[in-house]
């Protein structure tokens, strides 16, 4: 489970599944919250591995954002990654 792409997908799946089963959000956050803290770090790893340089134009930025969304990252996290490049 060292692949950050796999890890984010599994994390999102568990959070969604627990929510659908009626588990309260505060309980989900208590159990999975520590992992959310490292989501930005994992997103940066994935982005660096795939792209490594800032998007040159708007279409490239959109392509990079779609790629990251397909990997399970939130739009907020993706924007932070792209803003820091």
C-alpha atoms as a PDB file:
ATOM      1  CA  UNK A   1       0.000   0.000   0.000  1.00  0.00           C
ATOM      2  CA  UNK A   2       2.932   2.351  -0.534  1.00  0.00           C
ATOM      3  CA  UNK A   3       1.502   3.751  -3.764  1.00  0.00           C
ATOM      4  CA  UNK A   4      -0.072   7.135  -2.867  1.00  0.00           C
ATOM      5  CA  UNK A   5      -2.645   6.871  -5.665  1.00  0.00           C
ATOM      6  CA  UNK A   6      -3.953   3.578  -4.285  1.00  0.00           C
ATOM      7  CA  UNK A   7      -3.933   4.904  -0.723  1.00  0.00           C
ATOM      8  CA  UNK A   8      -6.027   7.991  -1.506  1.00  0.00           C
ATOM      9  CA  UNK A   9      -8.561   5.921  -3.407  1.00  0.00           C
ATOM     10  CA  UNK A  10      -8.927   3.455  -0.531  1.00  0.00           C
ATOM     11  CA  UNK A  11      -9.174   6.276   2.020  1.00  0.00           C
ATOM     12  CA  UNK A  12     -11.938   7.998   0.035  1.00  0.00           C
ATOM     13  CA  UNK A  13     -13.746   4.699  -0.398  1.00  0.00           C
ATOM     14  CA  UNK A  14     -13.722   3.950   3.329  1.00  0.00           C
ATOM     15  CA  UNK A  15     -14.895   7.437   4.284  1.00  0.00           C
ATOM     16  CA  UNK A  16     -17.721   7.298   1.742  1.00  0.00           C
ATOM     17  CA  UNK A  17     -18.729   3.771   2.722  1.00  0.00           C
ATOM     18  CA  UNK A  18     -18.821   4.607   6.426  1.00  0.00           C
ATOM     19  CA  UNK A  19     -20.905   7.697   5.723  1.00  0.00           C
ATOM     20  CA  UNK A  20     -23.373   5.692   3.604  1.00  0.00           C
ATOM     21  CA  UNK A  21     -23.734   3.165   6.437  1.00  0.00           C
ATOM     22  CA  UNK A  22     -24.835   5.905   8.804  1.00  0.00           C
ATOM     23  CA  UNK A  23     -21.626   6.441  10.737  1.00  0.00           C
ATOM     24  CA  UNK A  24     -21.489   9.979  12.083  1.00  0.00           C
ATOM     25  CA  UNK A  25     -19.004  12.343  10.453  1.00  0.00           C
ATOM     26  CA  UNK A  26     -17.229  13.060  13.756  1.00  0.00           C
ATOM     27  CA  UNK A  27     -16.576   9.341  14.215  1.00  0.00           C
ATOM     28  CA  UNK A  28     -15.268   9.010  10.648  1.00  0.00           C
ATOM     29  CA  UNK A  29     -13.018  12.017  11.218  1.00  0.00           C
ATOM     30  CA  UNK A  30     -11.695  10.579  14.479  1.00  0.00           C
ATOM     31  CA  UNK A  31     -10.847   7.263  12.823  1.00  0.00           C
ATOM     32  CA  UNK A  32      -9.582   8.485   9.470  1.00  0.00           C
ATOM     33  CA  UNK A  33      -8.588  12.062  10.334  1.00  0.00           C
ATOM     34  CA  UNK A  34      -4.881  11.386  10.757  1.00  0.00           C
ATOM     35  CA  UNK A  35      -4.728  10.181   7.192  1.00  0.00           C
ATOM     36  CA  UNK A  36      -6.333  13.355   5.835  1.00  0.00           C
ATOM     37  CA  UNK A  37      -3.467  15.405   7.190  1.00  0.00           C
ATOM     38  CA  UNK A  38      -1.119  13.715   4.793  1.00  0.00           C
ATOM     39  CA  UNK A  39      -3.422  14.020   1.765  1.00  0.00           C
ATOM     40  CA  UNK A  40      -1.649  17.168   0.587  1.00  0.00           C
ATOM     41  CA  UNK A  41       1.707  15.433   0.884  1.00  0.00           C
ATOM     42  CA  UNK A  42       0.478  12.433  -1.086  1.00  0.00           C
ATOM     43  CA  UNK A  43      -1.057  14.725  -3.705  1.00  0.00           C
ATOM     44  CA  UNK A  44       2.285  16.472  -4.150  1.00  0.00           C
ATOM     45  CA  UNK A  45       4.023  13.103  -4.572  1.00  0.00           C
ATOM     46  CA  UNK A  46       1.552  11.991  -7.238  1.00  0.00           C
ATOM     47  CA  UNK A  47       1.704  15.331  -9.052  1.00  0.00           C
ATOM     48  CA  UNK A  48       5.520  15.414  -8.994  1.00  0.00           C
ATOM     49  CA  UNK A  49       5.744  11.873 -10.282  1.00  0.00           C
ATOM     50  CA  UNK A  50       3.366  12.541 -13.182  1.00  0.00           C
ATOM     51  CA  UNK A  51       4.092  16.183 -14.092  1.00  0.00           C
ATOM     52  CA  UNK A  52       6.893  17.781 -12.072  1.00  0.00           C
ATOM     53  CA  UNK A  53       6.528  21.251 -13.579  1.00  0.00           C
ATOM     54  CA  UNK A  54       3.913  23.981 -13.480  1.00  0.00           C
ATOM     55  CA  UNK A  55       1.262  23.949 -16.204  1.00  0.00           C
ATOM     56  CA  UNK A  56       2.173  26.205 -19.134  1.00  0.00           C
ATOM     57  CA  UNK A  57      -1.374  27.291 -19.958  1.00  0.00           C
ATOM     58  CA  UNK A  58      -5.011  26.906 -18.928  1.00  0.00           C
ATOM     59  CA  UNK A  59      -5.601  23.714 -20.909  1.00  0.00           C
ATOM     60  CA  UNK A  60      -2.572  22.052 -19.329  1.00  0.00           C
ATOM     61  CA  UNK A  61      -3.752  23.143 -15.879  1.00  0.00           C
ATOM     62  CA  UNK A  62      -7.181  21.645 -16.581  1.00  0.00           C
ATOM     63  CA  UNK A  63      -5.560  18.400 -17.743  1.00  0.00           C
ATOM     64  CA  UNK A  64      -3.481  18.183 -14.585  1.00  0.00           C
ATOM     65  CA  UNK A  65      -6.508  18.921 -12.412  1.00  0.00           C
ATOM     66  CA  UNK A  66      -8.572  16.217 -14.128  1.00  0.00           C
ATOM     67  CA  UNK A  67      -5.765  13.718 -13.635  1.00  0.00           C
ATOM     68  CA  UNK A  68      -5.568  14.498  -9.926  1.00  0.00           C
ATOM     69  CA  UNK A  69      -9.358  14.395  -9.502  1.00  0.00           C
ATOM     70  CA  UNK A  70      -9.417  10.978 -11.154  1.00  0.00           C
ATOM     71  CA  UNK A  71      -6.919   9.873  -8.510  1.00  0.00           C
ATOM     72  CA  UNK A  72      -9.363  10.828  -5.759  1.00  0.00           C
ATOM     73  CA  UNK A  73      -7.959  14.153  -4.591  1.00  0.00           C
ATOM     74  CA  UNK A  74     -10.268  17.001  -3.660  1.00  0.00           C
ATOM     75  CA  UNK A  75     -10.335  20.183  -5.728  1.00  0.00           C
ATOM     76  CA  UNK A  76      -9.079  22.138  -2.715  1.00  0.00           C
ATOM     77  CA  UNK A  77      -6.045  19.863  -2.350  1.00  0.00           C
ATOM     78  CA  UNK A  78      -5.320  20.017  -6.085  1.00  0.00           C
ATOM     79  CA  UNK A  79      -5.434  23.815  -6.051  1.00  0.00           C
ATOM     80  CA  UNK A  80      -2.953  23.884  -3.157  1.00  0.00           C
ATOM     81  CA  UNK A  81      -0.602  21.590  -5.047  1.00  0.00           C
ATOM     82  CA  UNK A  82      -0.779  23.636  -8.232  1.00  0.00           C
ATOM     83  CA  UNK A  83      -0.392  26.914  -6.345  1.00  0.00           C
ATOM     84  CA  UNK A  84       2.812  25.685  -4.749  1.00  0.00           C
ATOM     85  CA  UNK A  85       4.488  24.679  -8.025  1.00  0.00           C
END
